[in-house]
Amino acid sequence: MDAYFYIILVVGLVSTFLCVGAGILKKAPNDATILSVAAVELSLLVYLVGSIIRVASGERMAGEPWEFWGYLVTALMLPLGAVYWAILERTRWSNFVLAAVGVTALVMAARMNQIWY
């Protein structure tokens, strides 16, 4: 496991717990929950830039590159879709959609790490 995975682990879990807590408390999506998902997106963007630098410097993946990049692009789209959903439907249930982003990003980062190493 590399530092990128651990960053997404921490940010993703914090975001998930924050969003689940807001959903349990029956609150609509707010700045805290949306910004926590934005932090997940930012950590994924850091992963993207780091991966581009690693490939450009000659580092090779153990698995298929198309699979790695597919996971990364998909993971990058998830927070955007969830925030769009939360803005359109401002109910407590949107917080649970936002909560799914952190866990999903974490699982996808773990899979990307397996592909890389």
PDB file of N, CA and C in Angstrom:
ATOM      1  N   MET A   1       0.840  -1.177   0.000  1.00  0.00           N
ATOM      2  CA  MET A   1       0.000   0.000   0.000  1.00  0.00           C
ATOM      3  C   MET A   1       0.890   1.248   0.000  1.00  0.00           C
ATOM      4  N   ASP A   2       0.457   2.240  -0.742  1.00  0.00           N
ATOM      5  CA  ASP A   2       1.236   3.472  -0.804  1.00  0.00           C
ATOM      6  C   ASP A   2       0.503   4.613  -0.091  1.00  0.00           C
ATOM      7  N   ALA A   3       1.135   5.769  -0.049  1.00  0.00           N
ATOM      8  CA  ALA A   3       0.581   6.920   0.672  1.00  0.00           C
ATOM      9  C   ALA A   3      -0.750   7.378   0.075  1.00  0.00           C
ATOM     10  N   TYR A   4      -0.893   7.244  -1.232  1.00  0.00           N
ATOM     11  CA  TYR A   4      -2.150   7.663  -1.864  1.00  0.00           C
ATOM     12  C   TYR A   4      -3.331   6.878  -1.294  1.00  0.00           C
ATOM     13  N   PHE A   5      -3.138   5.590  -1.115  1.00  0.00           N
ATOM     14  CA  PHE A   5      -4.207   4.760  -0.551  1.00  0.00           C
ATOM     15  C   PHE A   5      -4.560   5.221   0.857  1.00  0.00           C
ATOM     16  N   TYR A   6      -3.542   5.473   1.679  1.00  0.00           N
ATOM     17  CA  TYR A   6      -3.804   5.863   3.062  1.00  0.00           C
ATOM     18  C   TYR A   6      -4.480   7.234   3.159  1.00  0.00           C
ATOM     19  N   ILE A   7      -4.150   8.134   2.245  1.00  0.00           N
ATOM     20  CA  ILE A   7      -4.829   9.433   2.216  1.00  0.00           C
ATOM     21  C   ILE A   7      -6.311   9.235   1.913  1.00  0.00           C
ATOM     22  N   ILE A   8      -6.605   8.417   0.906  1.00  0.00           N
ATOM     23  CA  ILE A   8      -8.005   8.161   0.550  1.00  0.00           C
ATOM     24  C   ILE A   8      -8.710   7.386   1.661  1.00  0.00           C
ATOM     25  N   LEU A   9      -7.992   6.504   2.338  1.00  0.00           N
ATOM     26  CA  LEU A   9      -8.563   5.763   3.468  1.00  0.00           C
ATOM     27  C   LEU A   9      -9.061   6.726   4.537  1.00  0.00           C
ATOM     28  N   VAL A  10      -8.219   7.635   4.963  1.00  0.00           N
ATOM     29  CA  VAL A  10      -8.579   8.562   6.039  1.00  0.00           C
ATOM     30  C   VAL A  10      -9.673   9.527   5.578  1.00  0.00           C
ATOM     31  N   VAL A  11      -9.467  10.166   4.440  1.00  0.00           N
ATOM     32  CA  VAL A  11     -10.438  11.159   3.950  1.00  0.00           C
ATOM     33  C   VAL A  11     -11.777  10.488   3.645  1.00  0.00           C
ATOM     34  N   GLY A  12     -11.734   9.315   3.025  1.00  0.00           N
ATOM     35  CA  GLY A  12     -12.963   8.606   2.686  1.00  0.00           C
ATOM     36  C   GLY A  12     -13.764   8.185   3.905  1.00  0.00           C
ATOM     37  N   LEU A  13     -13.075   7.670   4.920  1.00  0.00           N
ATOM     38  CA  LEU A  13     -13.791   7.240   6.129  1.00  0.00           C
ATOM     39  C   LEU A  13     -14.345   8.427   6.905  1.00  0.00           C
ATOM     40  N   VAL A  14     -13.575   9.503   7.011  1.00  0.00           N
ATOM     41  CA  VAL A  14     -14.083  10.698   7.697  1.00  0.00           C
ATOM     42  C   VAL A  14     -15.322  11.229   6.970  1.00  0.00           C
ATOM     43  N   SER A  15     -15.256  11.298   5.660  1.00  0.00           N
ATOM     44  CA  SER A  15     -16.386  11.767   4.875  1.00  0.00           C
ATOM     45  C   SER A  15     -17.599  10.861   5.067  1.00  0.00           C
ATOM     46  N   THR A  16     -17.374   9.570   5.024  1.00  0.00           N
ATOM     47  CA  THR A  16     -18.476   8.616   5.185  1.00  0.00           C
ATOM     48  C   THR A  16     -19.145   8.761   6.547  1.00  0.00           C
ATOM     49  N   PHE A  17     -18.345   8.808   7.611  1.00  0.00           N
ATOM     50  CA  PHE A  17     -18.924   8.933   8.948  1.00  0.00           C
ATOM     51  C   PHE A  17     -19.664  10.262   9.128  1.00  0.00           C
ATOM     52  N   LEU A  18     -19.121  11.331   8.563  1.00  0.00           N
ATOM     53  CA  LEU A  18     -19.772  12.634   8.652  1.00  0.00           C
ATOM     54  C   LEU A  18     -21.119  12.618   7.927  1.00  0.00           C
ATOM     55  N   CYS A  19     -21.136  12.050   6.733  1.00  0.00           N
ATOM     56  CA  CYS A  19     -22.371  12.026   5.943  1.00  0.00           C
ATOM     57  C   CYS A  19     -23.411  11.077   6.541  1.00  0.00           C
ATOM     58  N   VAL A  20     -22.964   9.923   7.039  1.00  0.00           N
ATOM     59  CA  VAL A  20     -23.908   8.999   7.685  1.00  0.00           C
ATOM     60  C   VAL A  20     -24.488   9.643   8.941  1.00  0.00           C
ATOM     61  N   GLY A  21     -23.632  10.310   9.709  1.00  0.00           N
ATOM     62  CA  GLY A  21     -24.111  10.994  10.913  1.00  0.00           C
ATOM     63  C   GLY A  21     -25.156  12.046  10.584  1.00  0.00           C
ATOM     64  N   ALA A  22     -24.924  12.827   9.538  1.00  0.00           N
ATOM     65  CA  ALA A  22     -25.898  13.840   9.138  1.00  0.00           C
ATOM     66  C   ALA A  22     -27.196  13.185   8.677  1.00  0.00           C
ATOM     67  N   GLY A  23     -27.089  12.071   7.983  1.00  0.00           N
ATOM     68  CA  GLY A  23     -28.289  11.363   7.538  1.00  0.00           C
ATOM     69  C   GLY A  23     -29.077  10.795   8.701  1.00  0.00           C
ATOM     70  N   ILE A  24     -28.371  10.240   9.682  1.00  0.00           N
ATOM     71  CA  ILE A  24     -29.050   9.689  10.864  1.00  0.00           C
ATOM     72  C   ILE A  24     -29.743  10.793  11.655  1.00  0.00           C
ATOM     73  N   LEU A  25     -29.111  11.961  11.698  1.00  0.00           N
ATOM     74  CA  LEU A  25     -29.708  13.096  12.403  1.00  0.00           C
ATOM     75  C   LEU A  25     -30.793  13.796  11.584  1.00  0.00           C
ATOM     76  N   LYS A  26     -31.114  13.230  10.427  1.00  0.00           N
ATOM     77  CA  LYS A  26     -32.177  13.727   9.545  1.00  0.00           C
ATOM     78  C   LYS A  26     -31.930  15.147   9.055  1.00  0.00           C
ATOM     79  N   LYS A  27     -30.679  15.441   8.765  1.00  0.00           N
ATOM     80  CA  LYS A  27     -30.323  16.762   8.234  1.00  0.00           C
ATOM     81  C   LYS A  27     -30.190  16.677   6.719  1.00  0.00           C
ATOM     82  N   ALA A  28     -30.490  17.769   6.077  1.00  0.00           N
ATOM     83  CA  ALA A  28     -30.283  17.858   4.630  1.00  0.00           C
ATOM     84  C   ALA A  28     -28.787  18.031   4.374  1.00  0.00           C
ATOM     85  N   PRO A  29     -28.337  17.736   3.165  1.00  0.00           N
ATOM     86  CA  PRO A  29     -26.922  17.964   2.847  1.00  0.00           C
ATOM     87  C   PRO A  29     -26.556  19.428   3.122  1.00  0.00           C
ATOM     88  N   ASN A  30     -25.406  19.617   3.733  1.00  0.00           N
ATOM     89  CA  ASN A  30     -24.968  20.968   4.062  1.00  0.00           C
ATOM     90  C   ASN A  30     -23.521  21.153   3.618  1.00  0.00           C
ATOM     91  N   ASP A  31     -22.961  22.288   3.970  1.00  0.00           N
ATOM     92  CA  ASP A  31     -21.590  22.574   3.551  1.00  0.00           C
ATOM     93  C   ASP A  31     -20.609  21.515   4.045  1.00  0.00           C
ATOM     94  N   ALA A  32     -20.777  21.051   5.274  1.00  0.00           N
ATOM     95  CA  ALA A  32     -19.841  20.070   5.837  1.00  0.00           C
ATOM     96  C   ALA A  32     -19.860  18.762   5.058  1.00  0.00           C
ATOM     97  N   THR A  33     -21.038  18.267   4.753  1.00  0.00           N
ATOM     98  CA  THR A  33     -21.110  16.986   4.049  1.00  0.00           C
ATOM     99  C   THR A  33     -20.633  17.125   2.601  1.00  0.00           C
ATOM    100  N   ILE A  34     -21.018  18.201   1.957  1.00  0.00           N
ATOM    101  CA  ILE A  34     -20.597  18.395   0.560  1.00  0.00           C
ATOM    102  C   ILE A  34     -19.098  18.659   0.483  1.00  0.00           C
ATOM    103  N   LEU A  35     -18.558  19.436   1.418  1.00  0.00           N
ATOM    104  CA  LEU A  35     -17.112  19.683   1.419  1.00  0.00           C
ATOM    105  C   LEU A  35     -16.318  18.431   1.764  1.00  0.00           C
ATOM    106  N   SER A  36     -16.895  17.546   2.570  1.00  0.00           N
ATOM    107  CA  SER A  36     -16.183  16.292   2.870  1.00  0.00           C
ATOM    108  C   SER A  36     -16.072  15.424   1.615  1.00  0.00           C
ATOM    109  N   VAL A  37     -17.101  15.436   0.789  1.00  0.00           N
ATOM    110  CA  VAL A  37     -17.037  14.702  -0.477  1.00  0.00           C
ATOM    111  C   VAL A  37     -16.091  15.415  -1.448  1.00  0.00           C
ATOM    112  N   ALA A  38     -16.042  16.743  -1.382  1.00  0.00           N
ATOM    113  CA  ALA A  38     -15.071  17.483  -2.193  1.00  0.00           C
ATOM    114  C   ALA A  38     -13.649  17.127  -1.781  1.00  0.00           C
ATOM    115  N   ALA A  39     -13.431  16.849  -0.502  1.00  0.00           N
ATOM    116  CA  ALA A  39     -12.109  16.422  -0.033  1.00  0.00           C
ATOM    117  C   ALA A  39     -11.744  15.049  -0.603  1.00  0.00           C
ATOM    118  N   VAL A  40     -12.734  14.180  -0.736  1.00  0.00           N
ATOM    119  CA  VAL A  40     -12.494  12.886  -1.382  1.00  0.00           C
ATOM    120  C   VAL A  40     -12.086  13.106  -2.828  1.00  0.00           C
ATOM    121  N   GLU A  41     -12.784  13.990  -3.518  1.00  0.00           N
ATOM    122  CA  GLU A  41     -12.440  14.297  -4.908  1.00  0.00           C
ATOM    123  C   GLU A  41     -11.024  14.858  -5.000  1.00  0.00           C
ATOM    124  N   LEU A  42     -10.677  15.743  -4.090  1.00  0.00           N
ATOM    125  CA  LEU A  42      -9.337  16.325  -4.088  1.00  0.00           C
ATOM    126  C   LEU A  42      -8.274  15.253  -3.869  1.00  0.00           C
ATOM    127  N   SER A  43      -8.523  14.329  -2.957  1.00  0.00           N
ATOM    128  CA  SER A  43      -7.547  13.257  -2.721  1.00  0.00           C
ATOM    129  C   SER A  43      -7.419  12.354  -3.945  1.00  0.00           C
ATOM    130  N   LEU A  44      -8.509  12.147  -4.658  1.00  0.00           N
ATOM    131  CA  LEU A  44      -8.442  11.367  -5.894  1.00  0.00           C
ATOM    132  C   LEU A  44      -7.689  12.119  -6.988  1.00  0.00           C
ATOM    133  N   LEU A  45      -7.834  13.435  -7.025  1.00  0.00           N
ATOM    134  CA  LEU A  45      -7.078  14.240  -7.990  1.00  0.00           C
ATOM    135  C   LEU A  45      -5.583  14.192  -7.684  1.00  0.00           C
ATOM    136  N   VAL A  46      -5.233  14.182  -6.404  1.00  0.00           N
ATOM    137  CA  VAL A  46      -3.826  14.025  -6.010  1.00  0.00           C
ATOM    138  C   VAL A  46      -3.318  12.661  -6.473  1.00  0.00           C
ATOM    139  N   TYR A  47      -4.140  11.633  -6.313  1.00  0.00           N
ATOM    140  CA  TYR A  47      -3.786  10.290  -6.784  1.00  0.00           C
ATOM    141  C   TYR A  47      -3.563  10.306  -8.294  1.00  0.00           C
ATOM    142  N   LEU A  48      -4.430  11.001  -9.029  1.00  0.00           N
ATOM    143  CA  LEU A  48      -4.303  11.099 -10.482  1.00  0.00           C
ATOM    144  C   LEU A  48      -2.978  11.751 -10.872  1.00  0.00           C
ATOM    145  N   VAL A  49      -2.679  12.892 -10.277  1.00  0.00           N
ATOM    146  CA  VAL A  49      -1.438  13.603 -10.608  1.00  0.00           C
ATOM    147  C   VAL A  49      -0.229  12.753 -10.231  1.00  0.00           C
ATOM    148  N   GLY A  50      -0.271  12.139  -9.057  1.00  0.00           N
ATOM    149  CA  GLY A  50       0.833  11.275  -8.644  1.00  0.00           C
ATOM    150  C   GLY A  50       1.022  10.100  -9.576  1.00  0.00           C
ATOM    151  N   SER A  51      -0.061   9.530 -10.049  1.00  0.00           N
ATOM    152  CA  SER A  51       0.022   8.391 -10.969  1.00  0.00           C
ATOM    153  C   SER A  51       0.593   8.811 -12.313  1.00  0.00           C
ATOM    154  N   ILE A  52       0.194   9.971 -12.796  1.00  0.00           N
ATOM    155  CA  ILE A  52       0.736  10.476 -14.059  1.00  0.00           C
ATOM    156  C   ILE A  52       2.244  10.702 -13.927  1.00  0.00           C
ATOM    157  N   ILE A  53       2.657  11.280 -12.803  1.00  0.00           N
ATOM    158  CA  ILE A  53       4.087  11.507 -12.578  1.00  0.00           C
ATOM    159  C   ILE A  53       4.846  10.183 -12.497  1.00  0.00           C
ATOM    160  N   ARG A  54       4.270   9.199 -11.816  1.00  0.00           N
ATOM    161  CA  ARG A  54       4.930   7.898 -11.692  1.00  0.00           C
ATOM    162  C   ARG A  54       5.082   7.221 -13.055  1.00  0.00           C
ATOM    163  N   VAL A  55       4.050   7.292 -13.879  1.00  0.00           N
ATOM    164  CA  VAL A  55       4.128   6.683 -15.211  1.00  0.00           C
ATOM    165  C   VAL A  55       5.130   7.443 -16.075  1.00  0.00           C
ATOM    166  N   ALA A  56       5.096   8.773 -15.999  1.00  0.00           N
ATOM    167  CA  ALA A  56       6.009   9.588 -16.807  1.00  0.00           C
ATOM    168  C   ALA A  56       7.468   9.377 -16.407  1.00  0.00           C
ATOM    169  N   SER A  57       7.700   9.033 -15.142  1.00  0.00           N
ATOM    170  CA  SER A  57       9.072   8.808 -14.690  1.00  0.00           C
ATOM    171  C   SER A  57       9.553   7.379 -14.979  1.00  0.00           C
ATOM    172  N   GLY A  58       8.705   6.582 -15.598  1.00  0.00           N
ATOM    173  CA  GLY A  58       9.125   5.257 -16.028  1.00  0.00           C
ATOM    174  C   GLY A  58       8.686   4.104 -15.143  1.00  0.00           C
ATOM    175  N   GLU A  59       7.953   4.379 -14.082  1.00  0.00           N
ATOM    176  CA  GLU A  59       7.472   3.304 -13.224  1.00  0.00           C
ATOM    177  C   GLU A  59       6.392   2.519 -13.953  1.00  0.00           C
ATOM    178  N   ARG A  60       6.399   1.213 -13.778  1.00  0.00           N
ATOM    179  CA  ARG A  60       5.453   0.348 -14.487  1.00  0.00           C
ATOM    180  C   ARG A  60       4.466  -0.276 -13.516  1.00  0.00           C
ATOM    181  N   MET A  61       3.264  -0.513 -14.019  1.00  0.00           N
ATOM    182  CA  MET A  61       2.230  -1.187 -13.231  1.00  0.00           C
ATOM    183  C   MET A  61       2.383  -2.690 -13.388  1.00  0.00           C
ATOM    184  N   ALA A  62       2.007  -3.419 -12.343  1.00  0.00           N
ATOM    185  CA  ALA A  62       2.034  -4.878 -12.425  1.00  0.00           C
ATOM    186  C   ALA A  62       0.840  -5.389 -13.231  1.00  0.00           C
ATOM    187  N   GLY A  63      -0.288  -4.682 -13.130  1.00  0.00           N
ATOM    188  CA  GLY A  63      -1.505  -5.096 -13.830  1.00  0.00           C
ATOM    189  C   GLY A  63      -1.699  -4.338 -15.125  1.00  0.00           C
ATOM    190  N   GLU A  64      -2.907  -4.431 -15.616  1.00  0.00           N
ATOM    191  CA  GLU A  64      -3.258  -3.780 -16.880  1.00  0.00           C
ATOM    192  C   GLU A  64      -3.459  -2.268 -16.679  1.00  0.00           C
ATOM    193  N   PRO A  65      -2.766  -1.447 -17.456  1.00  0.00           N
ATOM    194  CA  PRO A  65      -2.923  -0.001 -17.318  1.00  0.00           C
ATOM    195  C   PRO A  65      -4.356   0.482 -17.591  1.00  0.00           C
ATOM    196  N   TRP A  66      -5.029  -0.097 -18.592  1.00  0.00           N
ATOM    197  CA  TRP A  66      -6.387   0.343 -18.908  1.00  0.00           C
ATOM    198  C   TRP A  66      -7.316   0.109 -17.721  1.00  0.00           C
ATOM    199  N   GLU A  67      -7.083  -0.963 -16.958  1.00  0.00           N
ATOM    200  CA  GLU A  67      -7.923  -1.249 -15.808  1.00  0.00           C
ATOM    201  C   GLU A  67      -7.682  -0.220 -14.695  1.00  0.00           C
ATOM    202  N   PHE A  68      -6.413   0.103 -14.448  1.00  0.00           N
ATOM    203  CA  PHE A  68      -6.072   1.099 -13.439  1.00  0.00           C
ATOM    204  C   PHE A  68      -6.701   2.447 -13.771  1.00  0.00           C
ATOM    205  N   TRP A  69      -6.480   2.908 -15.012  1.00  0.00           N
ATOM    206  CA  TRP A  69      -7.003   4.213 -15.399  1.00  0.00           C
ATOM    207  C   TRP A  69      -8.531   4.215 -15.428  1.00  0.00           C
ATOM    208  N   GLY A  70      -9.139   3.097 -15.766  1.00  0.00           N
ATOM    209  CA  GLY A  70     -10.601   2.998 -15.736  1.00  0.00           C
ATOM    210  C   GLY A  70     -11.146   3.156 -14.322  1.00  0.00           C
ATOM    211  N   TYR A  71     -10.495   2.485 -13.368  1.00  0.00           N
ATOM    212  CA  TYR A  71     -10.903   2.646 -11.970  1.00  0.00           C
ATOM    213  C   TYR A  71     -10.731   4.087 -11.518  1.00  0.00           C
ATOM    214  N   LEU A  72      -9.622   4.697 -11.884  1.00  0.00           N
ATOM    215  CA  LEU A  72      -9.346   6.057 -11.428  1.00  0.00           C
ATOM    216  C   LEU A  72     -10.333   7.060 -12.021  1.00  0.00           C
ATOM    217  N   VAL A  73     -10.622   6.951 -13.295  1.00  0.00           N
ATOM    218  CA  VAL A  73     -11.582   7.866 -13.926  1.00  0.00           C
ATOM    219  C   VAL A  73     -12.973   7.670 -13.325  1.00  0.00           C
ATOM    220  N   THR A  74     -13.358   6.436 -13.106  1.00  0.00           N
ATOM    221  CA  THR A  74     -14.661   6.161 -12.500  1.00  0.00           C
ATOM    222  C   THR A  74     -14.730   6.728 -11.087  1.00  0.00           C
ATOM    223  N   ALA A  75     -13.663   6.522 -10.313  1.00  0.00           N
ATOM    224  CA  ALA A  75     -13.632   7.049  -8.945  1.00  0.00           C
ATOM    225  C   ALA A  75     -13.713   8.571  -8.942  1.00  0.00           C
ATOM    226  N   LEU A  76     -13.102   9.207  -9.926  1.00  0.00           N
ATOM    227  CA  LEU A  76     -13.149  10.671 -10.015  1.00  0.00           C
ATOM    228  C   LEU A  76     -14.551  11.185 -10.354  1.00  0.00           C
ATOM    229  N   MET A  77     -15.342  10.398 -11.051  1.00  0.00           N
ATOM    230  CA  MET A  77     -16.695  10.820 -11.432  1.00  0.00           C
ATOM    231  C   MET A  77     -17.703  10.644 -10.292  1.00  0.00           C
ATOM    232  N   LEU A  78     -17.451   9.719  -9.373  1.00  0.00           N
ATOM    233  CA  LEU A  78     -18.408   9.442  -8.301  1.00  0.00           C
ATOM    234  C   LEU A  78     -18.727  10.650  -7.422  1.00  0.00           C
ATOM    235  N   PRO A  79     -17.727  11.370  -6.908  1.00  0.00           N
ATOM    236  CA  PRO A  79     -18.076  12.531  -6.069  1.00  0.00           C
ATOM    237  C   PRO A  79     -18.865  13.589  -6.828  1.00  0.00           C
ATOM    238  N   LEU A  80     -18.550  13.785  -8.089  1.00  0.00           N
ATOM    239  CA  LEU A  80     -19.277  14.783  -8.876  1.00  0.00           C
ATOM    240  C   LEU A  80     -20.754  14.412  -8.996  1.00  0.00           C
ATOM    241  N   GLY A  81     -21.001  13.148  -9.293  1.00  0.00           N
ATOM    242  CA  GLY A  81     -22.388  12.684  -9.410  1.00  0.00           C
ATOM    243  C   GLY A  81     -23.142  12.755  -8.097  1.00  0.00           C
ATOM    244  N   ALA A  82     -22.484  12.402  -7.010  1.00  0.00           N
ATOM    245  CA  ALA A  82     -23.151  12.418  -5.704  1.00  0.00           C
ATOM    246  C   ALA A  82     -23.465  13.845  -5.257  1.00  0.00           C
ATOM    247  N   VAL A  83     -22.539  14.764  -5.481  1.00  0.00           N
ATOM    248  CA  VAL A  83     -22.794  16.153  -5.102  1.00  0.00           C
ATOM    249  C   VAL A  83     -23.918  16.731  -5.969  1.00  0.00           C
ATOM    250  N   TYR A  84     -23.925  16.400  -7.244  1.00  0.00           N
ATOM    251  CA  TYR A  84     -25.003  16.842  -8.129  1.00  0.00           C
ATOM    252  C   TYR A  84     -26.348  16.328  -7.600  1.00  0.00           C
ATOM    253  N   TRP A  85     -26.380  15.055  -7.202  1.00  0.00           N
ATOM    254  CA  TRP A  85     -27.588  14.458  -6.635  1.00  0.00           C
ATOM    255  C   TRP A  85     -28.003  15.213  -5.373  1.00  0.00           C
ATOM    256  N   ALA A  86     -27.041  15.488  -4.489  1.00  0.00           N
ATOM    257  CA  ALA A  86     -27.351  16.146  -3.219  1.00  0.00           C
ATOM    258  C   ALA A  86     -27.860  17.565  -3.414  1.00  0.00           C
ATOM    259  N   ILE A  87     -27.381  18.227  -4.446  1.00  0.00           N
ATOM    260  CA  ILE A  87     -27.853  19.587  -4.715  1.00  0.00           C
ATOM    261  C   ILE A  87     -29.280  19.564  -5.271  1.00  0.00           C
ATOM    262  N   LEU A  88     -29.570  18.572  -6.115  1.00  0.00           N
ATOM    263  CA  LEU A  88     -30.912  18.477  -6.693  1.00  0.00           C
ATOM    264  C   LEU A  88     -31.947  17.989  -5.686  1.00  0.00           C
ATOM    265  N   GLU A  89     -31.572  17.036  -4.860  1.00  0.00           N
ATOM    266  CA  GLU A  89     -32.511  16.457  -3.894  1.00  0.00           C
ATOM    267  C   GLU A  89     -31.997  16.735  -2.488  1.00  0.00           C
ATOM    268  N   ARG A  90     -32.441  17.787  -1.901  1.00  0.00           N
ATOM    269  CA  ARG A  90     -31.909  18.222  -0.609  1.00  0.00           C
ATOM    270  C   ARG A  90     -32.693  17.570   0.535  1.00  0.00           C
ATOM    271  N   THR A  91     -32.646  16.238   0.594  1.00  0.00           N
ATOM    272  CA  THR A  91     -33.274  15.502   1.689  1.00  0.00           C
ATOM    273  C   THR A  91     -32.183  14.771   2.456  1.00  0.00           C
ATOM    274  N   ARG A  92     -32.552  14.209   3.583  1.00  0.00           N
ATOM    275  CA  ARG A  92     -31.581  13.474   4.400  1.00  0.00           C
ATOM    276  C   ARG A  92     -31.003  12.279   3.652  1.00  0.00           C
ATOM    277  N   TRP A  93     -31.764  11.731   2.711  1.00  0.00           N
ATOM    278  CA  TRP A  93     -31.304  10.547   1.989  1.00  0.00           C
ATOM    279  C   TRP A  93     -30.116  10.859   1.076  1.00  0.00           C
ATOM    280  N   SER A  94     -30.001  12.090   0.668  1.00  0.00           N
ATOM    281  CA  SER A  94     -28.846  12.473  -0.145  1.00  0.00           C
ATOM    282  C   SER A  94     -27.544  12.341   0.646  1.00  0.00           C
ATOM    283  N   ASN A  95     -27.619  12.508   1.955  1.00  0.00           N
ATOM    284  CA  ASN A  95     -26.417  12.320   2.770  1.00  0.00           C
ATOM    285  C   ASN A  95     -25.921  10.882   2.711  1.00  0.00           C
ATOM    286  N   PHE A  96     -26.831   9.939   2.579  1.00  0.00           N
ATOM    287  CA  PHE A  96     -26.412   8.544   2.462  1.00  0.00           C
ATOM    288  C   PHE A  96     -25.779   8.272   1.100  1.00  0.00           C
ATOM    289  N   VAL A  97     -26.251   8.965   0.079  1.00  0.00           N
ATOM    290  CA  VAL A  97     -25.608   8.876  -1.240  1.00  0.00           C
ATOM    291  C   VAL A  97     -24.201   9.461  -1.149  1.00  0.00           C
ATOM    292  N   LEU A  98     -24.074  10.604  -0.480  1.00  0.00           N
ATOM    293  CA  LEU A  98     -22.753  11.200  -0.288  1.00  0.00           C
ATOM    294  C   LEU A  98     -21.850  10.273   0.526  1.00  0.00           C
ATOM    295  N   ALA A  99     -22.412   9.600   1.514  1.00  0.00           N
ATOM    296  CA  ALA A  99     -21.622   8.684   2.356  1.00  0.00           C
ATOM    297  C   ALA A  99     -21.059   7.522   1.550  1.00  0.00           C
ATOM    298  N   ALA A 100     -21.804   7.092   0.553  1.00  0.00           N
ATOM    299  CA  ALA A 100     -21.338   5.966  -0.265  1.00  0.00           C
ATOM    300  C   ALA A 100     -20.085   6.315  -1.060  1.00  0.00           C
ATOM    301  N   VAL A 101     -19.865   7.592  -1.329  1.00  0.00           N
ATOM    302  CA  VAL A 101     -18.697   8.010  -2.115  1.00  0.00           C
ATOM    303  C   VAL A 101     -17.400   7.659  -1.395  1.00  0.00           C
ATOM    304  N   GLY A 102     -17.311   7.973  -0.110  1.00  0.00           N
ATOM    305  CA  GLY A 102     -16.078   7.712   0.629  1.00  0.00           C
ATOM    306  C   GLY A 102     -15.711   6.245   0.661  1.00  0.00           C
ATOM    307  N   VAL A 103     -16.696   5.400   0.934  1.00  0.00           N
ATOM    308  CA  VAL A 103     -16.444   3.954   0.990  1.00  0.00           C
ATOM    309  C   VAL A 103     -16.094   3.413  -0.394  1.00  0.00           C
ATOM    310  N   THR A 104     -16.811   3.859  -1.400  1.00  0.00           N
ATOM    311  CA  THR A 104     -16.566   3.388  -2.763  1.00  0.00           C
ATOM    312  C   THR A 104     -15.184   3.823  -3.245  1.00  0.00           C
ATOM    313  N   ALA A 105     -14.815   5.059  -2.961  1.00  0.00           N
ATOM    314  CA  ALA A 105     -13.485   5.542  -3.346  1.00  0.00           C
ATOM    315  C   ALA A 105     -12.403   4.733  -2.643  1.00  0.00           C
ATOM    316  N   LEU A 106     -12.646   4.390  -1.402  1.00  0.00           N
ATOM    317  CA  LEU A 106     -11.687   3.583  -0.644  1.00  0.00           C
ATOM    318  C   LEU A 106     -11.508   2.204  -1.263  1.00  0.00           C
ATOM    319  N   VAL A 107     -12.594   1.557  -1.605  1.00  0.00           N
ATOM    320  CA  VAL A 107     -12.523   0.231  -2.228  1.00  0.00           C
ATOM    321  C   VAL A 107     -11.836   0.310  -3.592  1.00  0.00           C
ATOM    322  N   MET A 108     -12.156   1.332  -4.344  1.00  0.00           N
ATOM    323  CA  MET A 108     -11.540   1.480  -5.666  1.00  0.00           C
ATOM    324  C   MET A 108     -10.051   1.796  -5.544  1.00  0.00           C
ATOM    325  N   ALA A 109      -9.664   2.579  -4.530  1.00  0.00           N
ATOM    326  CA  ALA A 109      -8.239   2.868  -4.310  1.00  0.00           C
ATOM    327  C   ALA A 109      -7.493   1.601  -3.919  1.00  0.00           C
ATOM    328  N   ALA A 110      -8.133   0.750  -3.134  1.00  0.00           N
ATOM    329  CA  ALA A 110      -7.497  -0.527  -2.773  1.00  0.00           C
ATOM    330  C   ALA A 110      -7.289  -1.381  -4.020  1.00  0.00           C
ATOM    331  N   ARG A 111      -8.259  -1.413  -4.887  1.00  0.00           N
ATOM    332  CA  ARG A 111      -8.135  -2.182  -6.126  1.00  0.00           C
ATOM    333  C   ARG A 111      -7.068  -1.575  -7.041  1.00  0.00           C
ATOM    334  N   MET A 112      -7.012  -0.250  -7.129  1.00  0.00           N
ATOM    335  CA  MET A 112      -5.982   0.393  -7.949  1.00  0.00           C
ATOM    336  C   MET A 112      -4.589   0.067  -7.419  1.00  0.00           C
ATOM    337  N   ASN A 113      -4.472  -0.001  -6.095  1.00  0.00           N
ATOM    338  CA  ASN A 113      -3.184  -0.357  -5.494  1.00  0.00           C
ATOM    339  C   ASN A 113      -2.799  -1.784  -5.859  1.00  0.00           C
ATOM    340  N   GLN A 114      -3.767  -2.691  -5.869  1.00  0.00           N
ATOM    341  CA  GLN A 114      -3.476  -4.075  -6.279  1.00  0.00           C
ATOM    342  C   GLN A 114      -3.017  -4.130  -7.736  1.00  0.00           C
ATOM    343  N   ILE A 115      -3.645  -3.348  -8.575  1.00  0.00           N
ATOM    344  CA  ILE A 115      -3.270  -3.337  -9.986  1.00  0.00           C
ATOM    345  C   ILE A 115      -1.864  -2.763 -10.146  1.00  0.00           C
ATOM    346  N   TRP A 116      -1.552  -1.714  -9.384  1.00  0.00           N
ATOM    347  CA  TRP A 116      -0.245  -1.075  -9.517  1.00  0.00           C
ATOM    348  C   TRP A 116       0.861  -2.000  -9.047  1.00  0.00           C
ATOM    349  N   TYR A 117       0.642  -2.642  -7.913  1.00  0.00           N
ATOM    350  CA  TYR A 117       1.697  -3.489  -7.340  1.00  0.00           C
ATOM    351  C   TYR A 117       1.449  -4.942  -7.631  1.00  0.00           C
TER     352      TYR A 117
END
